[in-house]
Amino acid sequence: MEPLPLADNSDYIHQLENTIELLTGEIAKLNEENEALKKRLIIYENPHTPPSLQRFKTKVVNPSGKRGAPIGHRGATKEFGKPDEIIHVTVDNCPGCKHSLGLPIRIEKKTIFDIPPPQKVKVTEYDLDVYKCGNCGIEVRSKHIDCPQTGDMGIFLLNYITMLKYNLRGVIRRVQEVLKTNNNLDLSTKGINDALLRVGDTCRSEYLAIRERIRRSKWVHIDETGFHVNGKKYWLWAFRSAENDVLIIIVDSSGRDVVKETMGEDFHGPAIVDGWR
């Protein structure tokens, strides 16, 4: 093979240089795109990425084996006790040909559980005998365990309203709607609030008794957490004794005065706290 003339060699070298420069630019561009794609992929491979944003999910492989519960599995079927009512169901004629069926060939038992329809308001009148003591002259009114001394709501209704308000965390307006819909009982929001205050007054003696038991405890856990009520900061304080008595206090202070007022000046036992300042 004859060597190329010098002029042709210089042209060939120039073409190679242009090709190298072009390829170098393409490689740099591809590297930039690759880095950008890696950054985007990190978003979807992050363990904190919610499932809705995970584009590349691991394919679930169903394990081989017999379908169904494993041997020894107790199952989740509810166990019933003795039924409150037994209803025998029978049919006389075949629904297809109308022929008389005669005696059944077997009896299949099916047990269900349900709740009774909502109870309506029960109105009870208590005729309380009033006596006058012949010795000191005071009047003595007889009492009944189901007749409240204050107000006209029975103990079961007071308990029902309290459960709706606190156990189910319902606002008073929702409690009012439930009573109207389920029990056909029309109470004002003030009446419901007064009922809750009445329950609180009734529980006050037990509340104070819990506080006294906590004060006498050999040690006590104390913790508090803040929250806002209508824009104002309040704190929920929790005191738990060694005997597992729990006292809850909600005040607008997070200072030591709350502890002193609750535990008393004579409390010198150890207090277990989280150390937050």
C-alpha atoms as a PDB file:
ATOM      1  CA  MET A   1       0.000   0.000   0.000  1.00  0.00           C
ATOM      2  CA  GLU A   2       1.398   3.289  -1.017  1.00  0.00           C
ATOM      3  CA  PRO A   3       1.582   6.051   1.635  1.00  0.00           C
ATOM      4  CA  LEU A   4      -0.800   8.980   1.248  1.00  0.00           C
ATOM      5  CA  PRO A   5       0.601  12.272   0.164  1.00  0.00           C
ATOM      6  CA  LEU A   6       1.365  14.737   2.936  1.00  0.00           C
ATOM      7  CA  ALA A   7      -1.602  16.932   2.019  1.00  0.00           C
ATOM      8  CA  ASP A   8      -3.980  13.970   2.204  1.00  0.00           C
ATOM      9  CA  ASN A   9      -2.541  12.948   5.616  1.00  0.00           C
ATOM     10  CA  SER A  10      -3.215  16.360   7.090  1.00  0.00           C
ATOM     11  CA  ASP A  11      -6.809  16.291   5.807  1.00  0.00           C
ATOM     12  CA  TYR A  12      -7.342  12.821   7.269  1.00  0.00           C
ATOM     13  CA  ILE A  13      -5.936  13.891  10.631  1.00  0.00           C
ATOM     14  CA  HIS A  14      -8.185  16.951  10.605  1.00  0.00           C
ATOM     15  CA  GLN A  15     -11.233  14.736   9.976  1.00  0.00           C
ATOM     16  CA  LEU A  16     -10.240  12.466  12.871  1.00  0.00           C
ATOM     17  CA  GLU A  17      -9.866  15.453  15.191  1.00  0.00           C
ATOM     18  CA  ASN A  18     -13.327  16.699  14.204  1.00  0.00           C
ATOM     19  CA  THR A  19     -14.778  13.231  14.798  1.00  0.00           C
ATOM     20  CA  ILE A  20     -13.111  12.966  18.213  1.00  0.00           C
ATOM     21  CA  GLU A  21     -14.385  16.409  19.201  1.00  0.00           C
ATOM     22  CA  LEU A  22     -17.917  15.505  18.090  1.00  0.00           C
ATOM     23  CA  LEU A  23     -17.874  12.190  19.974  1.00  0.00           C
ATOM     24  CA  THR A  24     -16.445  13.866  23.081  1.00  0.00           C
ATOM     25  CA  GLY A  25     -19.340  16.334  23.071  1.00  0.00           C
ATOM     26  CA  GLU A  26     -21.882  13.526  22.659  1.00  0.00           C
ATOM     27  CA  ILE A  27     -20.314  11.594  25.543  1.00  0.00           C
ATOM     28  CA  ALA A  28     -20.427  14.666  27.806  1.00  0.00           C
ATOM     29  CA  LYS A  29     -24.089  15.211  26.921  1.00  0.00           C
ATOM     30  CA  LEU A  30     -24.936  11.570  27.646  1.00  0.00           C
ATOM     31  CA  ASN A  31     -23.133  11.765  30.998  1.00  0.00           C
ATOM     32  CA  GLU A  32     -25.200  14.811  31.974  1.00  0.00           C
ATOM     33  CA  GLU A  33     -28.437  13.036  31.043  1.00  0.00           C
ATOM     34  CA  ASN A  34     -27.321   9.939  32.957  1.00  0.00           C
ATOM     35  CA  GLU A  35     -26.657  11.936  36.134  1.00  0.00           C
ATOM     36  CA  ALA A  36     -30.033  13.668  35.835  1.00  0.00           C
ATOM     37  CA  LEU A  37     -31.807  10.315  35.473  1.00  0.00           C
ATOM     38  CA  LYS A  38     -29.951   8.925  38.499  1.00  0.00           C
ATOM     39  CA  LYS A  39     -31.146  11.843  40.628  1.00  0.00           C
ATOM     40  CA  ARG A  40     -34.737  11.288  39.512  1.00  0.00           C
ATOM     41  CA  LEU A  41     -34.481   7.570  40.213  1.00  0.00           C
ATOM     42  CA  ILE A  42     -33.283   8.209  43.780  1.00  0.00           C
ATOM     43  CA  ILE A  43     -36.667   9.797  44.532  1.00  0.00           C
ATOM     44  CA  TYR A  44     -38.506   6.574  43.748  1.00  0.00           C
ATOM     45  CA  GLU A  45     -35.966   4.241  45.372  1.00  0.00           C
ATOM     46  CA  ASN A  46     -35.981   6.195  48.653  1.00  0.00           C
ATOM     47  CA  PRO A  47     -37.331   3.979  51.494  1.00  0.00           C
ATOM     48  CA  HIS A  48     -39.390   6.943  52.738  1.00  0.00           C
ATOM     49  CA  THR A  49     -41.188   7.382  49.416  1.00  0.00           C
ATOM     50  CA  PRO A  50     -44.927   6.604  49.808  1.00  0.00           C
ATOM     51  CA  PRO A  51     -46.234   3.611  47.835  1.00  0.00           C
ATOM     52  CA  SER A  52     -48.283   5.898  45.584  1.00  0.00           C
ATOM     53  CA  LEU A  53     -45.061   7.424  44.174  1.00  0.00           C
ATOM     54  CA  GLN A  54     -43.096   4.207  43.781  1.00  0.00           C
ATOM     55  CA  ARG A  55     -42.973   3.663  40.039  1.00  0.00           C
ATOM     56  CA  PHE A  56     -40.836   0.552  40.111  1.00  0.00           C
ATOM     57  CA  LYS A  57     -42.409  -1.874  42.550  1.00  0.00           C
ATOM     58  CA  THR A  58     -40.969  -5.253  43.342  1.00  0.00           C
ATOM     59  CA  LYS A  59     -42.912  -7.997  41.658  1.00  0.00           C
ATOM     60  CA  VAL A  60     -44.675 -10.120  44.234  1.00  0.00           C
ATOM     61  CA  VAL A  61     -44.040 -13.798  43.740  1.00  0.00           C
ATOM     62  CA  ASN A  62     -46.777 -15.969  45.173  1.00  0.00           C
ATOM     63  CA  PRO A  63     -45.263 -18.808  47.177  1.00  0.00           C
ATOM     64  CA  SER A  64     -45.971 -22.270  45.942  1.00  0.00           C
ATOM     65  CA  GLY A  65     -47.989 -24.599  48.101  1.00  0.00           C
ATOM     66  CA  LYS A  66     -51.517 -25.502  49.020  1.00  0.00           C
ATOM     67  CA  ARG A  67     -53.927 -22.609  49.378  1.00  0.00           C
ATOM     68  CA  GLY A  68     -55.802 -22.002  52.604  1.00  0.00           C
ATOM     69  CA  ALA A  69     -55.021 -21.690  56.276  1.00  0.00           C
ATOM     70  CA  PRO A  70     -52.033 -23.583  57.648  1.00  0.00           C
ATOM     71  CA  ILE A  71     -52.508 -26.642  59.811  1.00  0.00           C
ATOM     72  CA  GLY A  72     -53.411 -25.685  63.366  1.00  0.00           C
ATOM     73  CA  HIS A  73     -54.769 -22.236  62.464  1.00  0.00           C
ATOM     74  CA  ARG A  74     -57.657 -21.415  64.816  1.00  0.00           C
ATOM     75  CA  GLY A  75     -59.440 -19.163  62.328  1.00  0.00           C
ATOM     76  CA  ALA A  76     -61.347 -15.951  62.925  1.00  0.00           C
ATOM     77  CA  THR A  77     -64.904 -17.268  63.129  1.00  0.00           C
ATOM     78  CA  LYS A  78     -66.734 -15.700  66.074  1.00  0.00           C
ATOM     79  CA  GLU A  79     -67.805 -18.137  68.747  1.00  0.00           C
ATOM     80  CA  PHE A  80     -71.344 -17.701  70.052  1.00  0.00           C
ATOM     81  CA  GLY A  81     -72.668 -18.565  73.454  1.00  0.00           C
ATOM     82  CA  LYS A  82     -76.149 -19.795  74.194  1.00  0.00           C
ATOM     83  CA  PRO A  83     -78.640 -18.061  71.854  1.00  0.00           C
ATOM     84  CA  ASP A  84     -81.154 -15.668  73.389  1.00  0.00           C
ATOM     85  CA  GLU A  85     -83.823 -16.817  70.957  1.00  0.00           C
ATOM     86  CA  ILE A  86     -84.283 -19.851  68.695  1.00  0.00           C
ATOM     87  CA  ILE A  87     -86.523 -19.473  65.639  1.00  0.00           C
ATOM     88  CA  HIS A  88     -87.542 -22.591  63.753  1.00  0.00           C
ATOM     89  CA  VAL A  89     -87.961 -21.969  60.019  1.00  0.00           C
ATOM     90  CA  THR A  90     -90.021 -24.311  57.859  1.00  0.00           C
ATOM     91  CA  VAL A  91     -91.470 -24.458  54.334  1.00  0.00           C
ATOM     92  CA  ASP A  92     -94.494 -26.478  53.172  1.00  0.00           C
ATOM     93  CA  ASN A  93     -94.276 -26.670  49.378  1.00  0.00           C
ATOM     94  CA  CYS A  94     -91.502 -26.916  46.778  1.00  0.00           C
ATOM     95  CA  PRO A  95     -90.931 -23.482  45.206  1.00  0.00           C
ATOM     96  CA  GLY A  96     -90.423 -25.152  41.804  1.00  0.00           C
ATOM     97  CA  CYS A  97     -93.230 -27.673  41.332  1.00  0.00           C
ATOM     98  CA  LYS A  98     -95.421 -26.721  44.343  1.00  0.00           C
ATOM     99  CA  HIS A  99     -95.360 -30.329  45.591  1.00  0.00           C
ATOM    100  CA  SER A 100     -95.760 -30.922  49.328  1.00  0.00           C
ATOM    101  CA  LEU A 101     -92.359 -31.389  50.944  1.00  0.00           C
ATOM    102  CA  GLY A 102     -93.381 -33.393  53.976  1.00  0.00           C
ATOM    103  CA  LEU A 103     -90.790 -33.894  56.717  1.00  0.00           C
ATOM    104  CA  PRO A 104     -87.326 -32.256  56.517  1.00  0.00           C
ATOM    105  CA  ILE A 105     -84.327 -34.479  55.796  1.00  0.00           C
ATOM    106  CA  ARG A 106     -82.061 -32.456  58.126  1.00  0.00           C
ATOM    107  CA  ILE A 107     -81.844 -29.204  60.074  1.00  0.00           C
ATOM    108  CA  GLU A 108     -79.109 -26.671  59.291  1.00  0.00           C
ATOM    109  CA  LYS A 109     -78.278 -24.244  62.079  1.00  0.00           C
ATOM    110  CA  LYS A 110     -77.297 -20.657  61.290  1.00  0.00           C
ATOM    111  CA  THR A 111     -76.455 -18.316  64.149  1.00  0.00           C
ATOM    112  CA  ILE A 112     -76.330 -14.549  63.711  1.00  0.00           C
ATOM    113  CA  PHE A 113     -75.655 -11.684  66.092  1.00  0.00           C
ATOM    114  CA  ASP A 114     -77.282  -8.265  65.916  1.00  0.00           C
ATOM    115  CA  ILE A 115     -78.159  -5.309  68.094  1.00  0.00           C
ATOM    116  CA  PRO A 116     -81.712  -4.309  69.032  1.00  0.00           C
ATOM    117  CA  PRO A 117     -83.240  -1.229  67.444  1.00  0.00           C
ATOM    118  CA  PRO A 118     -82.394   2.113  69.132  1.00  0.00           C
ATOM    119  CA  GLN A 119     -84.323   2.602  72.338  1.00  0.00           C
ATOM    120  CA  LYS A 120     -86.746   5.455  72.642  1.00  0.00           C
ATOM    121  CA  VAL A 121     -87.021   7.690  75.669  1.00  0.00           C
ATOM    122  CA  LYS A 122     -88.463   6.048  78.766  1.00  0.00           C
ATOM    123  CA  VAL A 123     -90.220   8.466  81.109  1.00  0.00           C
ATOM    124  CA  THR A 124     -90.444   7.395  84.755  1.00  0.00           C
ATOM    125  CA  GLU A 125     -92.195   9.268  87.541  1.00  0.00           C
ATOM    126  CA  TYR A 126     -90.877   8.780  91.066  1.00  0.00           C
ATOM    127  CA  ASP A 127     -93.295   9.535  93.877  1.00  0.00           C
ATOM    128  CA  LEU A 128     -90.934  10.329  96.731  1.00  0.00           C
ATOM    129  CA  ASP A 129     -92.403  10.132 100.205  1.00  0.00           C
ATOM    130  CA  VAL A 130     -91.465  13.079 102.406  1.00  0.00           C
ATOM    131  CA  TYR A 131     -91.450  12.681 106.158  1.00  0.00           C
ATOM    132  CA  LYS A 132     -91.182  15.055 109.070  1.00  0.00           C
ATOM    133  CA  CYS A 133     -89.055  13.847 111.926  1.00  0.00           C
ATOM    134  CA  GLY A 134     -91.026  13.893 115.156  1.00  0.00           C
ATOM    135  CA  ASN A 135     -87.816  14.349 117.147  1.00  0.00           C
ATOM    136  CA  CYS A 136     -85.888  17.203 115.457  1.00  0.00           C
ATOM    137  CA  GLY A 137     -88.547  18.462 113.054  1.00  0.00           C
ATOM    138  CA  ILE A 138     -86.540  18.208 109.798  1.00  0.00           C
ATOM    139  CA  GLU A 139     -88.105  16.943 106.581  1.00  0.00           C
ATOM    140  CA  VAL A 140     -86.713  13.699 105.203  1.00  0.00           C
ATOM    141  CA  ARG A 141     -87.220  12.890 101.518  1.00  0.00           C
ATOM    142  CA  SER A 142     -86.984   9.262 100.408  1.00  0.00           C
ATOM    143  CA  LYS A 143     -84.385   8.366  97.765  1.00  0.00           C
ATOM    144  CA  HIS A 144     -84.214   5.890  94.887  1.00  0.00           C
ATOM    145  CA  ILE A 145     -80.961   4.616  93.415  1.00  0.00           C
ATOM    146  CA  ASP A 146     -82.063   5.392  89.830  1.00  0.00           C
ATOM    147  CA  CYS A 147     -83.529   8.819  90.609  1.00  0.00           C
ATOM    148  CA  PRO A 148     -80.879  11.584  90.427  1.00  0.00           C
ATOM    149  CA  GLN A 149     -80.877  14.160  93.178  1.00  0.00           C
ATOM    150  CA  THR A 150     -80.247  16.973  90.674  1.00  0.00           C
ATOM    151  CA  GLY A 151     -81.745  17.442  87.219  1.00  0.00           C
ATOM    152  CA  ASP A 152     -84.262  15.366  85.304  1.00  0.00           C
ATOM    153  CA  MET A 153     -81.969  13.060  83.289  1.00  0.00           C
ATOM    154  CA  GLY A 154     -81.569   9.449  84.349  1.00  0.00           C
ATOM    155  CA  ILE A 155     -78.215   7.834  85.046  1.00  0.00           C
ATOM    156  CA  PHE A 156     -78.256   5.758  81.837  1.00  0.00           C
ATOM    157  CA  LEU A 157     -78.873   8.842  79.687  1.00  0.00           C
ATOM    158  CA  LEU A 158     -76.100  10.737  81.486  1.00  0.00           C
ATOM    159  CA  ASN A 159     -73.728   7.837  80.886  1.00  0.00           C
ATOM    160  CA  TYR A 160     -74.799   7.630  77.215  1.00  0.00           C
ATOM    161  CA  ILE A 161     -74.164  11.344  76.641  1.00  0.00           C
ATOM    162  CA  THR A 162     -70.769  11.118  78.361  1.00  0.00           C
ATOM    163  CA  MET A 163     -69.763   8.150  76.195  1.00  0.00           C
ATOM    164  CA  LEU A 164     -70.778   9.943  72.986  1.00  0.00           C
ATOM    165  CA  LYS A 165     -68.874  13.071  73.983  1.00  0.00           C
ATOM    166  CA  TYR A 166     -65.639  11.618  75.342  1.00  0.00           C
ATOM    167  CA  ASN A 167     -65.277   7.950  74.364  1.00  0.00           C
ATOM    168  CA  LEU A 168     -66.321   8.636  70.757  1.00  0.00           C
ATOM    169  CA  ARG A 169     -64.908  12.205  70.763  1.00  0.00           C
ATOM    170  CA  GLY A 170     -68.075  13.743  69.418  1.00  0.00           C
ATOM    171  CA  VAL A 171     -68.743  17.468  69.512  1.00  0.00           C
ATOM    172  CA  ILE A 172     -71.893  18.520  71.361  1.00  0.00           C
ATOM    173  CA  ARG A 173     -73.745  19.253  68.118  1.00  0.00           C
ATOM    174  CA  ARG A 174     -73.033  15.695  66.901  1.00  0.00           C
ATOM    175  CA  VAL A 175     -74.184  14.280  70.238  1.00  0.00           C
ATOM    176  CA  GLN A 176     -77.386  16.255  69.784  1.00  0.00           C
ATOM    177  CA  GLU A 177     -77.889  14.767  66.306  1.00  0.00           C
ATOM    178  CA  VAL A 178     -77.315  11.185  67.517  1.00  0.00           C
ATOM    179  CA  LEU A 179     -79.838  11.565  70.336  1.00  0.00           C
ATOM    180  CA  LYS A 180     -82.396  13.009  67.921  1.00  0.00           C
ATOM    181  CA  THR A 181     -81.853  10.398  65.188  1.00  0.00           C
ATOM    182  CA  ASN A 182     -81.423   7.244  67.274  1.00  0.00           C
ATOM    183  CA  ASN A 183     -83.575   7.968  70.290  1.00  0.00           C
ATOM    184  CA  ASN A 184     -86.012  10.657  69.125  1.00  0.00           C
ATOM    185  CA  LEU A 185     -84.770  12.778  72.026  1.00  0.00           C
ATOM    186  CA  ASP A 186     -84.573  16.502  71.334  1.00  0.00           C
ATOM    187  CA  LEU A 187     -82.090  18.172  73.691  1.00  0.00           C
ATOM    188  CA  SER A 188     -80.521  21.595  73.365  1.00  0.00           C
ATOM    189  CA  THR A 189     -76.761  21.972  73.265  1.00  0.00           C
ATOM    190  CA  LYS A 190     -76.960  23.761  76.622  1.00  0.00           C
ATOM    191  CA  GLY A 191     -78.901  20.855  78.094  1.00  0.00           C
ATOM    192  CA  ILE A 192     -76.223  18.420  76.892  1.00  0.00           C
ATOM    193  CA  ASN A 193     -73.434  20.616  78.263  1.00  0.00           C
ATOM    194  CA  ASP A 194     -75.229  20.907  81.621  1.00  0.00           C
ATOM    195  CA  ALA A 195     -75.515  17.110  81.719  1.00  0.00           C
ATOM    196  CA  LEU A 196     -71.762  16.770  81.175  1.00  0.00           C
ATOM    197  CA  LEU A 197     -71.058  19.290  83.939  1.00  0.00           C
ATOM    198  CA  ARG A 198     -73.387  17.342  86.236  1.00  0.00           C
ATOM    199  CA  VAL A 199     -71.456  14.148  85.544  1.00  0.00           C
ATOM    200  CA  GLY A 200     -68.221  15.997  86.268  1.00  0.00           C
ATOM    201  CA  ASP A 201     -69.554  17.245  89.604  1.00  0.00           C
ATOM    202  CA  THR A 202     -70.616  13.702  90.498  1.00  0.00           C
ATOM    203  CA  CYS A 203     -67.134  12.354  89.716  1.00  0.00           C
ATOM    204  CA  ARG A 204     -65.337  15.098  91.646  1.00  0.00           C
ATOM    205  CA  SER A 205     -65.142  13.146  94.906  1.00  0.00           C
ATOM    206  CA  GLU A 206     -63.466  10.180  93.143  1.00  0.00           C
ATOM    207  CA  TYR A 207     -61.163  12.606  91.310  1.00  0.00           C
ATOM    208  CA  LEU A 208     -59.994  14.086  94.613  1.00  0.00           C
ATOM    209  CA  ALA A 209     -59.573  10.593  96.059  1.00  0.00           C
ATOM    210  CA  ILE A 210     -57.266   9.665  93.153  1.00  0.00           C
ATOM    211  CA  ARG A 211     -55.233  12.810  93.781  1.00  0.00           C
ATOM    212  CA  GLU A 212     -54.809  11.883  97.437  1.00  0.00           C
ATOM    213  CA  ARG A 213     -53.657   8.369  96.552  1.00  0.00           C
ATOM    214  CA  ILE A 214     -51.107   9.789  94.103  1.00  0.00           C
ATOM    215  CA  ARG A 215     -49.810  12.178  96.764  1.00  0.00           C
ATOM    216  CA  ARG A 216     -49.177   9.212  99.077  1.00  0.00           C
ATOM    217  CA  SER A 217     -47.442   7.162  96.367  1.00  0.00           C
ATOM    218  CA  LYS A 218     -43.787   6.195  96.885  1.00  0.00           C
ATOM    219  CA  TRP A 219     -42.989   7.573  93.412  1.00  0.00           C
ATOM    220  CA  VAL A 220     -44.899   9.198  90.572  1.00  0.00           C
ATOM    221  CA  HIS A 221     -44.527   9.593  86.802  1.00  0.00           C
ATOM    222  CA  ILE A 222     -45.137  13.167  85.591  1.00  0.00           C
ATOM    223  CA  ASP A 223     -45.478  14.302  81.993  1.00  0.00           C
ATOM    224  CA  GLU A 224     -47.132  17.175  80.154  1.00  0.00           C
ATOM    225  CA  THR A 225     -47.917  18.108  76.568  1.00  0.00           C
ATOM    226  CA  GLY A 226     -49.161  21.357  75.085  1.00  0.00           C
ATOM    227  CA  PHE A 227     -52.033  22.062  72.706  1.00  0.00           C
ATOM    228  CA  HIS A 228     -54.194  25.006  71.663  1.00  0.00           C
ATOM    229  CA  VAL A 229     -57.803  25.680  72.652  1.00  0.00           C
ATOM    230  CA  ASN A 230     -59.414  28.464  70.617  1.00  0.00           C
ATOM    231  CA  GLY A 231     -55.960  29.899  69.947  1.00  0.00           C
ATOM    232  CA  LYS A 232     -54.811  29.813  73.582  1.00  0.00           C
ATOM    233  CA  LYS A 233     -52.049  27.464  74.754  1.00  0.00           C
ATOM    234  CA  TYR A 234     -52.993  24.840  77.340  1.00  0.00           C
ATOM    235  CA  TRP A 235     -51.129  21.884  78.812  1.00  0.00           C
ATOM    236  CA  LEU A 236     -52.342  18.411  79.658  1.00  0.00           C
ATOM    237  CA  TRP A 237     -50.574  17.070  82.734  1.00  0.00           C
ATOM    238  CA  ALA A 238     -50.520  13.352  83.507  1.00  0.00           C
ATOM    239  CA  PHE A 239     -49.606  11.976  86.941  1.00  0.00           C
ATOM    240  CA  ARG A 240     -49.284   8.203  87.432  1.00  0.00           C
ATOM    241  CA  SER A 241     -48.570   6.571  90.761  1.00  0.00           C
ATOM    242  CA  ALA A 242     -46.716   3.369  91.585  1.00  0.00           C
ATOM    243  CA  GLU A 243     -50.137   1.756  92.072  1.00  0.00           C
ATOM    244  CA  ASN A 244     -51.206   2.788  88.519  1.00  0.00           C
ATOM    245  CA  ASP A 245     -53.574   5.544  89.597  1.00  0.00           C
ATOM    246  CA  VAL A 246     -53.713   8.165  86.837  1.00  0.00           C
ATOM    247  CA  LEU A 247     -54.668  11.809  87.298  1.00  0.00           C
ATOM    248  CA  ILE A 248     -55.197  14.161  84.337  1.00  0.00           C
ATOM    249  CA  ILE A 249     -55.103  17.941  84.727  1.00  0.00           C
ATOM    250  CA  ILE A 250     -55.644  20.509  81.950  1.00  0.00           C
ATOM    251  CA  VAL A 251     -54.404  24.012  82.790  1.00  0.00           C
ATOM    252  CA  ASP A 252     -52.943  27.017  81.004  1.00  0.00           C
ATOM    253  CA  SER A 253     -49.553  26.634  82.669  1.00  0.00           C
ATOM    254  CA  SER A 254     -46.507  24.418  82.249  1.00  0.00           C
ATOM    255  CA  GLY A 255     -44.697  25.696  85.337  1.00  0.00           C
ATOM    256  CA  ARG A 256     -43.701  23.976  88.553  1.00  0.00           C
ATOM    257  CA  ASP A 257     -46.639  25.550  90.371  1.00  0.00           C
ATOM    258  CA  VAL A 258     -48.880  22.926  88.742  1.00  0.00           C
ATOM    259  CA  VAL A 259     -46.803  20.123  90.277  1.00  0.00           C
ATOM    260  CA  LYS A 260     -46.761  21.795  93.694  1.00  0.00           C
ATOM    261  CA  GLU A 261     -50.504  22.386  93.654  1.00  0.00           C
ATOM    262  CA  THR A 262     -51.245  18.825  92.544  1.00  0.00           C
ATOM    263  CA  MET A 263     -48.759  16.896  94.678  1.00  0.00           C
ATOM    264  CA  GLY A 264     -48.860  19.219  97.678  1.00  0.00           C
ATOM    265  CA  GLU A 265     -46.035  20.857  99.599  1.00  0.00           C
ATOM    266  CA  ASP A 266     -45.369  17.707 101.649  1.00  0.00           C
ATOM    267  CA  PHE A 267     -44.548  15.452  98.687  1.00  0.00           C
ATOM    268  CA  HIS A 268     -40.850  14.541  98.721  1.00  0.00           C
ATOM    269  CA  GLY A 269     -40.912  11.247  96.839  1.00  0.00           C
ATOM    270  CA  PRO A 270     -39.043  10.737  93.572  1.00  0.00           C
ATOM    271  CA  ALA A 271     -40.694  12.074  90.412  1.00  0.00           C
ATOM    272  CA  ILE A 272     -39.916  10.351  87.113  1.00  0.00           C
ATOM    273  CA  VAL A 273     -39.894  12.780  84.171  1.00  0.00           C
ATOM    274  CA  ASP A 274     -38.581  12.811  80.604  1.00  0.00           C
ATOM    275  CA  GLY A 275     -36.059  15.573  81.317  1.00  0.00           C
ATOM    276  CA  TRP A 276     -37.445  17.961  78.686  1.00  0.00           C
ATOM    277  CA  ARG A 277     -36.632  21.626  79.301  1.00  0.00           C
END
